[in-house]
PDB file of N, CA and C in Angstrom:
ATOM      1  N   MET A   1      22.866  82.050  11.316  1.00  0.00           N
ATOM      2  CA  MET A   1      24.262  82.448  11.263  1.00  0.00           C
ATOM      3  C   MET A   1      24.558  83.044   9.890  1.00  0.00           C
ATOM      4  N   ASN A   2      25.221  84.149   9.887  1.00  0.00           N
ATOM      5  CA  ASN A   2      25.568  84.822   8.651  1.00  0.00           C
ATOM      6  C   ASN A   2      26.532  83.960   7.835  1.00  0.00           C
ATOM      7  N   LYS A   3      26.301  83.867   6.529  1.00  0.00           N
ATOM      8  CA  LYS A   3      27.097  82.984   5.683  1.00  0.00           C
ATOM      9  C   LYS A   3      28.577  83.377   5.643  1.00  0.00           C
ATOM     10  N   LYS A   4      28.867  84.651   5.752  1.00  0.00           N
ATOM     11  CA  LYS A   4      30.268  85.065   5.658  1.00  0.00           C
ATOM     12  C   LYS A   4      31.058  84.755   6.930  1.00  0.00           C
ATOM     13  N   MET A   5      30.381  84.441   8.017  1.00  0.00           N
ATOM     14  CA  MET A   5      31.073  84.153   9.279  1.00  0.00           C
ATOM     15  C   MET A   5      31.912  82.875   9.201  1.00  0.00           C
ATOM     16  N   ILE A   6      31.505  81.922   8.376  1.00  0.00           N
ATOM     17  CA  ILE A   6      32.268  80.678   8.229  1.00  0.00           C
ATOM     18  C   ILE A   6      33.641  80.978   7.649  1.00  0.00           C
ATOM     19  N   GLY A   7      33.657  81.689   6.535  1.00  0.00           N
ATOM     20  CA  GLY A   7      34.934  82.049   5.910  1.00  0.00           C
ATOM     21  C   GLY A   7      35.767  82.949   6.793  1.00  0.00           C
ATOM     22  N   LEU A   8      35.123  83.852   7.500  1.00  0.00           N
ATOM     23  CA  LEU A   8      35.839  84.768   8.386  1.00  0.00           C
ATOM     24  C   LEU A   8      36.502  84.012   9.534  1.00  0.00           C
ATOM     25  N   ALA A   9      35.798  83.045  10.098  1.00  0.00           N
ATOM     26  CA  ALA A   9      36.372  82.254  11.191  1.00  0.00           C
ATOM     27  C   ALA A   9      37.603  81.477  10.719  1.00  0.00           C
ATOM     28  N   PHE A  10      37.541  80.926   9.518  1.00  0.00           N
ATOM     29  CA  PHE A  10      38.692  80.193   8.998  1.00  0.00           C
ATOM     30  C   PHE A  10      39.844  81.130   8.628  1.00  0.00           C
ATOM     31  N   ALA A  11      39.540  82.351   8.185  1.00  0.00           N
ATOM     32  CA  ALA A  11      40.598  83.324   7.900  1.00  0.00           C
ATOM     33  C   ALA A  11      41.343  83.690   9.184  1.00  0.00           C
ATOM     34  N   VAL A  12      40.593  83.840  10.267  1.00  0.00           N
ATOM     35  CA  VAL A  12      41.229  84.107  11.565  1.00  0.00           C
ATOM     36  C   VAL A  12      42.071  82.908  11.989  1.00  0.00           C
ATOM     37  N   LEU A  13      41.591  81.704  11.708  1.00  0.00           N
ATOM     38  CA  LEU A  13      42.340  80.496  12.040  1.00  0.00           C
ATOM     39  C   LEU A  13      43.650  80.414  11.247  1.00  0.00           C
ATOM     40  N   MET A  14      43.656  80.953  10.024  1.00  0.00           N
ATOM     41  CA  MET A  14      44.906  81.025   9.251  1.00  0.00           C
ATOM     42  C   MET A  14      45.943  81.857  10.007  1.00  0.00           C
ATOM     43  N   ILE A  15      45.491  82.963  10.560  1.00  0.00           N
ATOM     44  CA  ILE A  15      46.391  83.852  11.302  1.00  0.00           C
ATOM     45  C   ILE A  15      46.883  83.166  12.574  1.00  0.00           C
ATOM     46  N   VAL A  16      45.982  82.502  13.280  1.00  0.00           N
ATOM     47  CA  VAL A  16      46.351  81.805  14.517  1.00  0.00           C
ATOM     48  C   VAL A  16      47.384  80.715  14.229  1.00  0.00           C
ATOM     49  N   GLY A  17      47.215  80.014  13.110  1.00  0.00           N
ATOM     50  CA  GLY A  17      48.131  78.935  12.754  1.00  0.00           C
ATOM     51  C   GLY A  17      49.573  79.389  12.580  1.00  0.00           C
ATOM     52  N   ALA A  18      49.768  80.646  12.215  1.00  0.00           N
ATOM     53  CA  ALA A  18      51.130  81.166  12.052  1.00  0.00           C
ATOM     54  C   ALA A  18      51.859  81.262  13.394  1.00  0.00           C
ATOM     55  N   PHE A  19      51.107  81.356  14.481  1.00  0.00           N
ATOM     56  CA  PHE A  19      51.711  81.477  15.809  1.00  0.00           C
ATOM     57  C   PHE A  19      51.850  80.134  16.527  1.00  0.00           C
ATOM     58  N   LEU A  20      51.263  79.093  15.971  1.00  0.00           N
ATOM     59  CA  LEU A  20      51.367  77.755  16.551  1.00  0.00           C
ATOM     60  C   LEU A  20      52.667  77.096  16.071  1.00  0.00           C
ATOM     61  N   PRO A  21      53.097  76.020  16.723  1.00  0.00           N
ATOM     62  CA  PRO A  21      54.342  75.347  16.306  1.00  0.00           C
ATOM     63  C   PRO A  21      54.255  74.789  14.891  1.00  0.00           C
ATOM     64  N   TRP A  22      55.264  75.106  14.076  1.00  0.00           N
ATOM     65  CA  TRP A  22      55.352  74.601  12.713  1.00  0.00           C
ATOM     66  C   TRP A  22      56.252  73.380  12.632  1.00  0.00           C
ATOM     67  N   ILE A  23      57.177  73.292  13.561  1.00  0.00           N
ATOM     68  CA  ILE A  23      58.121  72.182  13.542  1.00  0.00           C
ATOM     69  C   ILE A  23      58.523  71.850  14.971  1.00  0.00           C
ATOM     70  N   LYS A  24      58.703  70.568  15.217  1.00  0.00           N
ATOM     71  CA  LYS A  24      59.168  70.122  16.521  1.00  0.00           C
ATOM     72  C   LYS A  24      60.389  69.234  16.281  1.00  0.00           C
ATOM     73  N   ILE A  25      61.515  69.636  16.849  1.00  0.00           N
ATOM     74  CA  ILE A  25      62.763  68.896  16.683  1.00  0.00           C
ATOM     75  C   ILE A  25      63.099  68.203  17.995  1.00  0.00           C
ATOM     76  N   GLU A  26      63.371  66.926  17.916  1.00  0.00           N
ATOM     77  CA  GLU A  26      63.755  66.153  19.092  1.00  0.00           C
ATOM     78  C   GLU A  26      65.138  65.560  18.843  1.00  0.00           C
ATOM     79  N   PHE A  27      66.042  65.801  19.790  1.00  0.00           N
ATOM     80  CA  PHE A  27      67.411  65.307  19.657  1.00  0.00           C
ATOM     81  C   PHE A  27      67.980  65.030  21.038  1.00  0.00           C
ATOM     82  N   MET A  28      68.404  63.807  21.246  1.00  0.00           N
ATOM     83  CA  MET A  28      69.049  63.392  22.494  1.00  0.00           C
ATOM     84  C   MET A  28      68.224  63.770  23.732  1.00  0.00           C
ATOM     85  N   GLY A  29      66.942  63.489  23.671  1.00  0.00           N
ATOM     86  CA  GLY A  29      66.085  63.742  24.816  1.00  0.00           C
ATOM     87  C   GLY A  29      65.621  65.182  24.971  1.00  0.00           C
ATOM     88  N   MET A  30      66.122  66.089  24.148  1.00  0.00           N
ATOM     89  CA  MET A  30      65.683  67.487  24.207  1.00  0.00           C
ATOM     90  C   MET A  30      64.682  67.736  23.082  1.00  0.00           C
ATOM     91  N   SER A  31      63.797  68.677  23.326  1.00  0.00           N
ATOM     92  CA  SER A  31      62.766  68.989  22.350  1.00  0.00           C
ATOM     93  C   SER A  31      62.667  70.500  22.169  1.00  0.00           C
ATOM     94  N   GLU A  32      62.505  70.925  20.938  1.00  0.00           N
ATOM     95  CA  GLU A  32      62.382  72.352  20.624  1.00  0.00           C
ATOM     96  C   GLU A  32      61.298  72.525  19.565  1.00  0.00           C
ATOM     97  N   SER A  33      60.405  73.472  19.795  1.00  0.00           N
ATOM     98  CA  SER A  33      59.356  73.795  18.825  1.00  0.00           C
ATOM     99  C   SER A  33      59.618  75.178  18.254  1.00  0.00           C
ATOM    100  N   MET A  34      59.285  75.349  16.966  1.00  0.00           N
ATOM    101  CA  MET A  34      59.432  76.650  16.319  1.00  0.00           C
ATOM    102  C   MET A  34      58.127  77.017  15.624  1.00  0.00           C
ATOM    103  N   THR A  35      57.757  78.272  15.760  1.00  0.00           N
ATOM    104  CA  THR A  35      56.557  78.775  15.099  1.00  0.00           C
ATOM    105  C   THR A  35      56.923  79.294  13.715  1.00  0.00           C
ATOM    106  N   GLY A  36      55.937  79.781  13.005  1.00  0.00           N
ATOM    107  CA  GLY A  36      56.174  80.348  11.688  1.00  0.00           C
ATOM    108  C   GLY A  36      56.962  81.644  11.731  1.00  0.00           C
ATOM    109  N   PHE A  37      57.107  82.234  12.910  1.00  0.00           N
ATOM    110  CA  PHE A  37      57.832  83.493  13.024  1.00  0.00           C
ATOM    111  C   PHE A  37      59.270  83.310  13.477  1.00  0.00           C
ATOM    112  N   MET A  38      59.716  82.069  13.571  1.00  0.00           N
ATOM    113  CA  MET A  38      61.094  81.804  13.984  1.00  0.00           C
ATOM    114  C   MET A  38      61.884  81.273  12.798  1.00  0.00           C
ATOM    115  N   GLY A  39      61.783  81.955  11.664  1.00  0.00           N
ATOM    116  CA  GLY A  39      62.483  81.528  10.462  1.00  0.00           C
ATOM    117  C   GLY A  39      63.976  81.741  10.580  1.00  0.00           C
ATOM    118  N   SER A  40      64.706  81.035   9.749  1.00  0.00           N
ATOM    119  CA  SER A  40      66.151  81.183   9.778  1.00  0.00           C
ATOM    120  C   SER A  40      66.633  81.693   8.429  1.00  0.00           C
ATOM    121  N   GLY A  41      67.300  82.809   8.441  1.00  0.00           N
ATOM    122  CA  GLY A  41      67.916  83.328   7.225  1.00  0.00           C
ATOM    123  C   GLY A  41      66.979  84.079   6.307  1.00  0.00           C
ATOM    124  N   LYS A  42      65.856  83.491   5.948  1.00  0.00           N
ATOM    125  CA  LYS A  42      64.972  84.099   4.962  1.00  0.00           C
ATOM    126  C   LYS A  42      63.794  84.828   5.590  1.00  0.00           C
ATOM    127  N   GLY A  43      63.873  85.135   6.862  1.00  0.00           N
ATOM    128  CA  GLY A  43      62.795  85.866   7.509  1.00  0.00           C
ATOM    129  C   GLY A  43      61.796  84.945   8.164  1.00  0.00           C
ATOM    130  N   SER A  44      60.602  85.426   8.306  1.00  0.00           N
ATOM    131  CA  SER A  44      59.554  84.687   9.007  1.00  0.00           C
ATOM    132  C   SER A  44      58.496  84.231   8.014  1.00  0.00           C
ATOM    133  N   PRO A  45      58.428  82.937   7.722  1.00  0.00           N
ATOM    134  CA  PRO A  45      57.413  82.467   6.773  1.00  0.00           C
ATOM    135  C   PRO A  45      55.987  82.645   7.288  1.00  0.00           C
ATOM    136  N   GLY A  46      55.813  82.728   8.594  1.00  0.00           N
ATOM    137  CA  GLY A  46      54.485  82.937   9.156  1.00  0.00           C
ATOM    138  C   GLY A  46      53.917  84.309   8.825  1.00  0.00           C
ATOM    139  N   LEU A  47      54.792  85.257   8.507  1.00  0.00           N
ATOM    140  CA  LEU A  47      54.328  86.603   8.167  1.00  0.00           C
ATOM    141  C   LEU A  47      53.486  86.579   6.897  1.00  0.00           C
ATOM    142  N   LEU A  48      53.924  85.835   5.892  1.00  0.00           N
ATOM    143  CA  LEU A  48      53.165  85.750   4.642  1.00  0.00           C
ATOM    144  C   LEU A  48      51.807  85.098   4.884  1.00  0.00           C
ATOM    145  N   THR A  49      51.791  84.056   5.680  1.00  0.00           N
ATOM    146  CA  THR A  49      50.529  83.395   6.010  1.00  0.00           C
ATOM    147  C   THR A  49      49.593  84.348   6.752  1.00  0.00           C
ATOM    148  N   THR A  50      50.151  85.141   7.663  1.00  0.00           N
ATOM    149  CA  THR A  50      49.345  86.113   8.406  1.00  0.00           C
ATOM    150  C   THR A  50      48.780  87.178   7.468  1.00  0.00           C
ATOM    151  N   ILE A  51      49.598  87.669   6.554  1.00  0.00           N
ATOM    152  CA  ILE A  51      49.132  88.683   5.597  1.00  0.00           C
ATOM    153  C   ILE A  51      48.018  88.118   4.724  1.00  0.00           C
ATOM    154  N   PHE A  52      48.199  86.888   4.231  1.00  0.00           N
ATOM    155  CA  PHE A  52      47.155  86.262   3.414  1.00  0.00           C
ATOM    156  C   PHE A  52      45.880  86.044   4.224  1.00  0.00           C
ATOM    157  N   GLY A  53      46.012  85.680   5.496  1.00  0.00           N
ATOM    158  CA  GLY A  53      44.842  85.502   6.345  1.00  0.00           C
ATOM    159  C   GLY A  53      44.085  86.806   6.557  1.00  0.00           C
ATOM    160  N   VAL A  54      44.820  87.897   6.770  1.00  0.00           N
ATOM    161  CA  VAL A  54      44.189  89.213   6.937  1.00  0.00           C
ATOM    162  C   VAL A  54      43.483  89.630   5.644  1.00  0.00           C
ATOM    163  N   LEU A  55      44.144  89.419   4.508  1.00  0.00           N
ATOM    164  CA  LEU A  55      43.518  89.761   3.222  1.00  0.00           C
ATOM    165  C   LEU A  55      42.260  88.932   2.988  1.00  0.00           C
ATOM    166  N   CYS A  56      42.302  87.648   3.315  1.00  0.00           N
ATOM    167  CA  CYS A  56      41.112  86.803   3.176  1.00  0.00           C
ATOM    168  C   CYS A  56      39.976  87.328   4.049  1.00  0.00           C
ATOM    169  N   ALA A  57      40.292  87.701   5.283  1.00  0.00           N
ATOM    170  CA  ALA A  57      39.270  88.219   6.193  1.00  0.00           C
ATOM    171  C   ALA A  57      38.654  89.503   5.649  1.00  0.00           C
ATOM    172  N   ILE A  58      39.487  90.397   5.145  1.00  0.00           N
ATOM    173  CA  ILE A  58      38.983  91.666   4.593  1.00  0.00           C
ATOM    174  C   ILE A  58      38.081  91.408   3.399  1.00  0.00           C
ATOM    175  N   PHE A  59      38.533  90.547   2.482  1.00  0.00           N
ATOM    176  CA  PHE A  59      37.733  90.266   1.288  1.00  0.00           C
ATOM    177  C   PHE A  59      36.421  89.563   1.632  1.00  0.00           C
ATOM    178  N   ILE A  60      36.431  88.700   2.626  1.00  0.00           N
ATOM    179  CA  ILE A  60      35.189  88.030   3.023  1.00  0.00           C
ATOM    180  C   ILE A  60      34.231  89.029   3.668  1.00  0.00           C
ATOM    181  N   LEU A  61      34.762  89.973   4.438  1.00  0.00           N
ATOM    182  CA  LEU A  61      33.898  90.993   5.052  1.00  0.00           C
ATOM    183  C   LEU A  61      33.255  91.905   4.019  1.00  0.00           C
ATOM    184  N   VAL A  62      33.955  92.170   2.907  1.00  0.00           N
ATOM    185  CA  VAL A  62      33.372  92.993   1.843  1.00  0.00           C
ATOM    186  C   VAL A  62      32.136  92.289   1.274  1.00  0.00           C
ATOM    187  N   ASN A  63      32.196  90.969   1.164  1.00  0.00           N
ATOM    188  CA  ASN A  63      31.065  90.122   0.794  1.00  0.00           C
ATOM    189  C   ASN A  63      30.451  90.449  -0.566  1.00  0.00           C
ATOM    190  N   LYS A  64      31.293  90.674  -1.534  1.00  0.00           N
ATOM    191  CA  LYS A  64      30.873  90.797  -2.929  1.00  0.00           C
ATOM    192  C   LYS A  64      31.408  89.587  -3.670  1.00  0.00           C
ATOM    193  N   LYS A  65      30.893  89.320  -4.850  1.00  0.00           N
ATOM    194  CA  LYS A  65      31.362  88.156  -5.601  1.00  0.00           C
ATOM    195  C   LYS A  65      32.850  88.261  -5.897  1.00  0.00           C
ATOM    196  N   TRP A  66      33.296  89.430  -6.364  1.00  0.00           N
ATOM    197  CA  TRP A  66      34.710  89.596  -6.702  1.00  0.00           C
ATOM    198  C   TRP A  66      35.595  89.463  -5.472  1.00  0.00           C
ATOM    199  N   SER A  67      35.113  89.937  -4.319  1.00  0.00           N
ATOM    200  CA  SER A  67      35.940  89.858  -3.110  1.00  0.00           C
ATOM    201  C   SER A  67      36.012  88.423  -2.581  1.00  0.00           C
ATOM    202  N   ASN A  68      34.940  87.665  -2.744  1.00  0.00           N
ATOM    203  CA  ASN A  68      34.989  86.256  -2.354  1.00  0.00           C
ATOM    204  C   ASN A  68      35.934  85.472  -3.259  1.00  0.00           C
ATOM    205  N   ILE A  69      35.948  85.811  -4.538  1.00  0.00           N
ATOM    206  CA  ILE A  69      36.896  85.170  -5.455  1.00  0.00           C
ATOM    207  C   ILE A  69      38.325  85.539  -5.064  1.00  0.00           C
ATOM    208  N   ALA A  70      38.551  86.790  -4.689  1.00  0.00           N
ATOM    209  CA  ALA A  70      39.895  87.202  -4.236  1.00  0.00           C
ATOM    210  C   ALA A  70      40.290  86.449  -2.968  1.00  0.00           C
ATOM    211  N   ALA A  71      39.340  86.240  -2.056  1.00  0.00           N
ATOM    212  CA  ALA A  71      39.635  85.474  -0.840  1.00  0.00           C
ATOM    213  C   ALA A  71      40.018  84.041  -1.190  1.00  0.00           C
ATOM    214  N   ILE A  72      39.324  83.463  -2.158  1.00  0.00           N
ATOM    215  CA  ILE A  72      39.656  82.102  -2.603  1.00  0.00           C
ATOM    216  C   ILE A  72      41.066  82.064  -3.182  1.00  0.00           C
ATOM    217  N   VAL A  73      41.405  83.051  -3.996  1.00  0.00           N
ATOM    218  CA  VAL A  73      42.741  83.100  -4.604  1.00  0.00           C
ATOM    219  C   VAL A  73      43.820  83.184  -3.521  1.00  0.00           C
ATOM    220  N   PHE A  74      43.645  84.071  -2.548  1.00  0.00           N
ATOM    221  CA  PHE A  74      44.649  84.211  -1.491  1.00  0.00           C
ATOM    222  C   PHE A  74      44.709  82.971  -0.596  1.00  0.00           C
ATOM    223  N   ALA A  75      43.583  82.328  -0.369  1.00  0.00           N
ATOM    224  CA  ALA A  75      43.585  81.092   0.423  1.00  0.00           C
ATOM    225  C   ALA A  75      44.330  79.988  -0.320  1.00  0.00           C
ATOM    226  N   LEU A  76      44.121  79.896  -1.633  1.00  0.00           N
ATOM    227  CA  LEU A  76      44.828  78.884  -2.419  1.00  0.00           C
ATOM    228  C   LEU A  76      46.323  79.194  -2.520  1.00  0.00           C
ATOM    229  N   LEU A  77      46.667  80.474  -2.615  1.00  0.00           N
ATOM    230  CA  LEU A  77      48.091  80.850  -2.594  1.00  0.00           C
ATOM    231  C   LEU A  77      48.729  80.461  -1.263  1.00  0.00           C
ATOM    232  N   SER A  78      48.023  80.709  -0.185  1.00  0.00           N
ATOM    233  CA  SER A  78      48.532  80.341   1.135  1.00  0.00           C
ATOM    234  C   SER A  78      48.639  78.829   1.274  1.00  0.00           C
ATOM    235  N   LEU A  79      47.677  78.114   0.740  1.00  0.00           N
ATOM    236  CA  LEU A  79      47.712  76.657   0.780  1.00  0.00           C
ATOM    237  C   LEU A  79      48.926  76.124   0.019  1.00  0.00           C
ATOM    238  N   GLY A  80      49.161  76.659  -1.158  1.00  0.00           N
ATOM    239  CA  GLY A  80      50.347  76.259  -1.922  1.00  0.00           C
ATOM    240  C   GLY A  80      51.635  76.586  -1.188  1.00  0.00           C
ATOM    241  N   TRP A  81      51.668  77.753  -0.577  1.00  0.00           N
ATOM    242  CA  TRP A  81      52.848  78.193   0.177  1.00  0.00           C
ATOM    243  C   TRP A  81      53.122  77.256   1.346  1.00  0.00           C
ATOM    244  N   ILE A  82      52.079  76.900   2.088  1.00  0.00           N
ATOM    245  CA  ILE A  82      52.279  76.071   3.270  1.00  0.00           C
ATOM    246  C   ILE A  82      52.634  74.643   2.888  1.00  0.00           C
ATOM    247  N   ILE A  83      52.091  74.142   1.788  1.00  0.00           N
ATOM    248  CA  ILE A  83      52.473  72.805   1.319  1.00  0.00           C
ATOM    249  C   ILE A  83      53.947  72.799   0.915  1.00  0.00           C
ATOM    250  N   GLU A  84      54.390  73.870   0.289  1.00  0.00           N
ATOM    251  CA  GLU A  84      55.818  73.987  -0.053  1.00  0.00           C
ATOM    252  C   GLU A  84      56.661  74.024   1.211  1.00  0.00           C
ATOM    253  N   ARG A  85      56.194  74.708   2.239  1.00  0.00           N
ATOM    254  CA  ARG A  85      56.928  74.790   3.508  1.00  0.00           C
ATOM    255  C   ARG A  85      57.007  73.422   4.182  1.00  0.00           C
ATOM    256  N   ILE A  86      55.947  72.607   4.062  1.00  0.00           N
ATOM    257  CA  ILE A  86      55.980  71.265   4.637  1.00  0.00           C
ATOM    258  C   ILE A  86      57.127  70.471   4.021  1.00  0.00           C
ATOM    259  N   GLY A  87      57.257  70.553   2.690  1.00  0.00           N
ATOM    260  CA  GLY A  87      58.349  69.854   2.013  1.00  0.00           C
ATOM    261  C   GLY A  87      59.705  70.361   2.459  1.00  0.00           C
ATOM    262  N   THR A  88      59.836  71.675   2.616  1.00  0.00           N
ATOM    263  CA  THR A  88      61.098  72.264   3.050  1.00  0.00           C
ATOM    264  C   THR A  88      61.434  71.836   4.477  1.00  0.00           C
ATOM    265  N   ILE A  89      60.446  71.835   5.346  1.00  0.00           N
ATOM    266  CA  ILE A  89      60.671  71.444   6.737  1.00  0.00           C
ATOM    267  C   ILE A  89      61.143  69.994   6.799  1.00  0.00           C
ATOM    268  N   LYS A  90      60.443  69.117   6.096  1.00  0.00           N
ATOM    269  CA  LYS A  90      60.802  67.700   6.141  1.00  0.00           C
ATOM    270  C   LYS A  90      62.184  67.465   5.541  1.00  0.00           C
ATOM    271  N   GLU A  91      62.546  68.227   4.527  1.00  0.00           N
ATOM    272  CA  GLU A  91      63.857  68.097   3.896  1.00  0.00           C
ATOM    273  C   GLU A  91      64.973  68.557   4.824  1.00  0.00           C
ATOM    274  N   LYS A  92      64.759  69.657   5.526  1.00  0.00           N
ATOM    275  CA  LYS A  92      65.803  70.228   6.376  1.00  0.00           C
ATOM    276  C   LYS A  92      66.045  69.444   7.656  1.00  0.00           C
ATOM    277  N   VAL A  93      64.991  68.921   8.258  1.00  0.00           N
ATOM    278  CA  VAL A  93      65.169  68.256   9.547  1.00  0.00           C
ATOM    279  C   VAL A  93      65.383  66.760   9.420  1.00  0.00           C
ATOM    280  N   GLY A  94      65.089  66.203   8.282  1.00  0.00           N
ATOM    281  CA  GLY A  94      65.276  64.769   8.107  1.00  0.00           C
ATOM    282  C   GLY A  94      64.488  63.979   9.131  1.00  0.00           C
ATOM    283  N   GLY A  95      65.154  63.073   9.834  1.00  0.00           N
ATOM    284  CA  GLY A  95      64.485  62.243  10.824  1.00  0.00           C
ATOM    285  C   GLY A  95      64.465  62.848  12.208  1.00  0.00           C
ATOM    286  N   LEU A  96      65.008  64.066  12.360  1.00  0.00           N
ATOM    287  CA  LEU A  96      65.101  64.676  13.686  1.00  0.00           C
ATOM    288  C   LEU A  96      63.824  65.387  14.122  1.00  0.00           C
ATOM    289  N   GLY A  97      62.964  65.734  13.192  1.00  0.00           N
ATOM    290  CA  GLY A  97      61.816  66.539  13.569  1.00  0.00           C
ATOM    291  C   GLY A  97      60.539  66.123  12.878  1.00  0.00           C
ATOM    292  N   THR A  98      59.473  66.702  13.348  1.00  0.00           N
ATOM    293  CA  THR A  98      58.158  66.459  12.777  1.00  0.00           C
ATOM    294  C   THR A  98      57.480  67.799  12.487  1.00  0.00           C
ATOM    295  N   THR A  99      56.540  67.750  11.575  1.00  0.00           N
ATOM    296  CA  THR A  99      55.769  68.945  11.254  1.00  0.00           C
ATOM    297  C   THR A  99      54.817  69.229  12.399  1.00  0.00           C
ATOM    298  N   GLY A 100      54.748  70.495  12.809  1.00  0.00           N
ATOM    299  CA  GLY A 100      53.925  70.885  13.943  1.00  0.00           C
ATOM    300  C   GLY A 100      52.471  71.109  13.591  1.00  0.00           C
ATOM    301  N   ILE A 101      51.668  71.285  14.602  1.00  0.00           N
ATOM    302  CA  ILE A 101      50.217  71.441  14.464  1.00  0.00           C
ATOM    303  C   ILE A 101      49.847  72.711  13.691  1.00  0.00           C
ATOM    304  N   GLY A 102      50.664  73.757  13.785  1.00  0.00           N
ATOM    305  CA  GLY A 102      50.357  75.015  13.111  1.00  0.00           C
ATOM    306  C   GLY A 102      50.231  74.870  11.606  1.00  0.00           C
ATOM    307  N   VAL A 103      51.067  74.032  11.026  1.00  0.00           N
ATOM    308  CA  VAL A 103      51.031  73.808   9.581  1.00  0.00           C
ATOM    309  C   VAL A 103      49.706  73.166   9.183  1.00  0.00           C
ATOM    310  N   TYR A 104      49.279  72.183   9.952  1.00  0.00           N
ATOM    311  CA  TYR A 104      48.027  71.492   9.630  1.00  0.00           C
ATOM    312  C   TYR A 104      46.808  72.372   9.896  1.00  0.00           C
ATOM    313  N   VAL A 105      46.893  73.235  10.887  1.00  0.00           N
ATOM    314  CA  VAL A 105      45.808  74.189  11.150  1.00  0.00           C
ATOM    315  C   VAL A 105      45.664  75.137   9.961  1.00  0.00           C
ATOM    316  N   ILE A 106      46.788  75.583   9.420  1.00  0.00           N
ATOM    317  CA  ILE A 106      46.744  76.494   8.276  1.00  0.00           C
ATOM    318  C   ILE A 106      46.172  75.797   7.049  1.00  0.00           C
ATOM    319  N   VAL A 107      46.573  74.547   6.807  1.00  0.00           N
ATOM    320  CA  VAL A 107      46.026  73.799   5.666  1.00  0.00           C
ATOM    321  C   VAL A 107      44.506  73.687   5.793  1.00  0.00           C
ATOM    322  N   ALA A 108      44.031  73.296   6.964  1.00  0.00           N
ATOM    323  CA  ALA A 108      42.585  73.167   7.182  1.00  0.00           C
ATOM    324  C   ALA A 108      41.885  74.522   7.058  1.00  0.00           C
ATOM    325  N   ALA A 109      42.521  75.570   7.566  1.00  0.00           N
ATOM    326  CA  ALA A 109      41.921  76.909   7.511  1.00  0.00           C
ATOM    327  C   ALA A 109      41.824  77.403   6.071  1.00  0.00           C
ATOM    328  N   CYS A 110      42.839  77.146   5.265  1.00  0.00           N
ATOM    329  CA  CYS A 110      42.793  77.567   3.858  1.00  0.00           C
ATOM    330  C   CYS A 110      41.645  76.883   3.129  1.00  0.00           C
ATOM    331  N   ILE A 111      41.496  75.592   3.364  1.00  0.00           N
ATOM    332  CA  ILE A 111      40.383  74.857   2.747  1.00  0.00           C
ATOM    333  C   ILE A 111      39.055  75.406   3.262  1.00  0.00           C
ATOM    334  N   GLY A 112      38.989  75.732   4.547  1.00  0.00           N
ATOM    335  CA  GLY A 112      37.783  76.305   5.125  1.00  0.00           C
ATOM    336  C   GLY A 112      37.438  77.675   4.550  1.00  0.00           C
ATOM    337  N   VAL A 113      38.458  78.497   4.286  1.00  0.00           N
ATOM    338  CA  VAL A 113      38.207  79.810   3.672  1.00  0.00           C
ATOM    339  C   VAL A 113      37.611  79.632   2.280  1.00  0.00           C
ATOM    340  N   VAL A 114      38.145  78.700   1.521  1.00  0.00           N
ATOM    341  CA  VAL A 114      37.602  78.446   0.177  1.00  0.00           C
ATOM    342  C   VAL A 114      36.139  78.009   0.275  1.00  0.00           C
ATOM    343  N   ILE A 115      35.861  77.075   1.147  1.00  0.00           N
ATOM    344  CA  ILE A 115      34.481  76.597   1.316  1.00  0.00           C
ATOM    345  C   ILE A 115      33.577  77.726   1.799  1.00  0.00           C
ATOM    346  N   GLY A 116      34.048  78.504   2.780  1.00  0.00           N
ATOM    347  CA  GLY A 116      33.249  79.617   3.295  1.00  0.00           C
ATOM    348  C   GLY A 116      32.973  80.685   2.247  1.00  0.00           C
ATOM    349  N   ALA A 117      33.962  80.976   1.412  1.00  0.00           N
ATOM    350  CA  ALA A 117      33.764  81.977   0.363  1.00  0.00           C
ATOM    351  C   ALA A 117      32.782  81.482  -0.694  1.00  0.00           C
ATOM    352  N   VAL A 118      32.862  80.206  -1.028  1.00  0.00           N
ATOM    353  CA  VAL A 118      31.918  79.638  -2.002  1.00  0.00           C
ATOM    354  C   VAL A 118      30.503  79.663  -1.434  1.00  0.00           C
ATOM    355  N   ILE A 119      30.350  79.293  -0.172  1.00  0.00           N
ATOM    356  CA  ILE A 119      29.029  79.341   0.463  1.00  0.00           C
ATOM    357  C   ILE A 119      28.498  80.766   0.490  1.00  0.00           C
ATOM    358  N   SER A 120      29.382  81.720   0.770  1.00  0.00           N
ATOM    359  CA  SER A 120      28.971  83.120   0.831  1.00  0.00           C
ATOM    360  C   SER A 120      28.538  83.642  -0.534  1.00  0.00           C
ATOM    361  N   MET A 121      29.137  83.124  -1.606  1.00  0.00           N
ATOM    362  CA  MET A 121      28.794  83.571  -2.962  1.00  0.00           C
ATOM    363  C   MET A 121      27.482  82.974  -3.445  1.00  0.00           C
ATOM    364  N   ARG A 122      27.143  81.809  -2.946  1.00  0.00           N
ATOM    365  CA  ARG A 122      25.921  81.139  -3.394  1.00  0.00           C
ATOM    366  C   ARG A 122      24.688  81.916  -2.992  1.00  0.00           C
ATOM    367  N   GLY A 123      23.707  81.877  -3.817  1.00  0.00           N
ATOM    368  CA  GLY A 123      22.424  82.473  -3.476  1.00  0.00           C
ATOM    369  C   GLY A 123      21.701  81.601  -2.474  1.00  0.00           C
ATOM    370  N   ASP A 124      20.642  82.098  -1.937  1.00  0.00           N
ATOM    371  CA  ASP A 124      19.850  81.292  -1.002  1.00  0.00           C
ATOM    372  C   ASP A 124      19.247  80.105  -1.732  1.00  0.00           C
ATOM    373  N   ALA A 125      19.317  78.969  -1.114  1.00  0.00           N
ATOM    374  CA  ALA A 125      18.749  77.753  -1.698  1.00  0.00           C
ATOM    375  C   ALA A 125      17.221  77.863  -1.687  1.00  0.00           C
ATOM    376  N   PRO A 126      16.586  77.291  -2.687  1.00  0.00           N
ATOM    377  CA  PRO A 126      15.130  77.328  -2.677  1.00  0.00           C
ATOM    378  C   PRO A 126      14.578  76.522  -1.510  1.00  0.00           C
ATOM    379  N   LYS A 127      13.505  77.026  -0.939  1.00  0.00           N
ATOM    380  CA  LYS A 127      12.897  76.358   0.222  1.00  0.00           C
ATOM    381  C   LYS A 127      11.918  75.306  -0.272  1.00  0.00           C
ATOM    382  N   ALA A 128      11.938  74.175   0.408  1.00  0.00           N
ATOM    383  CA  ALA A 128      11.055  73.055  -0.014  1.00  0.00           C
ATOM    384  C   ALA A 128       9.659  73.226   0.522  1.00  0.00           C
TER     385      ALA A 128
END
């Protein structure tokens, strides 16, 4: 398996996570889920995550040291962004809602992109 495929798969997972539920609100027996593209007032926070995921995928496909470092930077920026969004979501909904699976998929994908980019940058290990 090509080393860059690991990072590429996680970059695609970052994009997929933007379309999954970010928040689930339950009130009086009713339930509503919202994705990253159903933002209120300030636009769609999932758009930034999608853009960062696309940039990570492009940089991983280039497969140079500088491009892998750029993929790591964008993955860490996305990770910071999504962690900030988790705090905002929990603050806004209080006890009425929970963080959705999409947020956790993005967190895992960002960590996976970093790991995949580092693996891609490493030289071949010596054979025993």
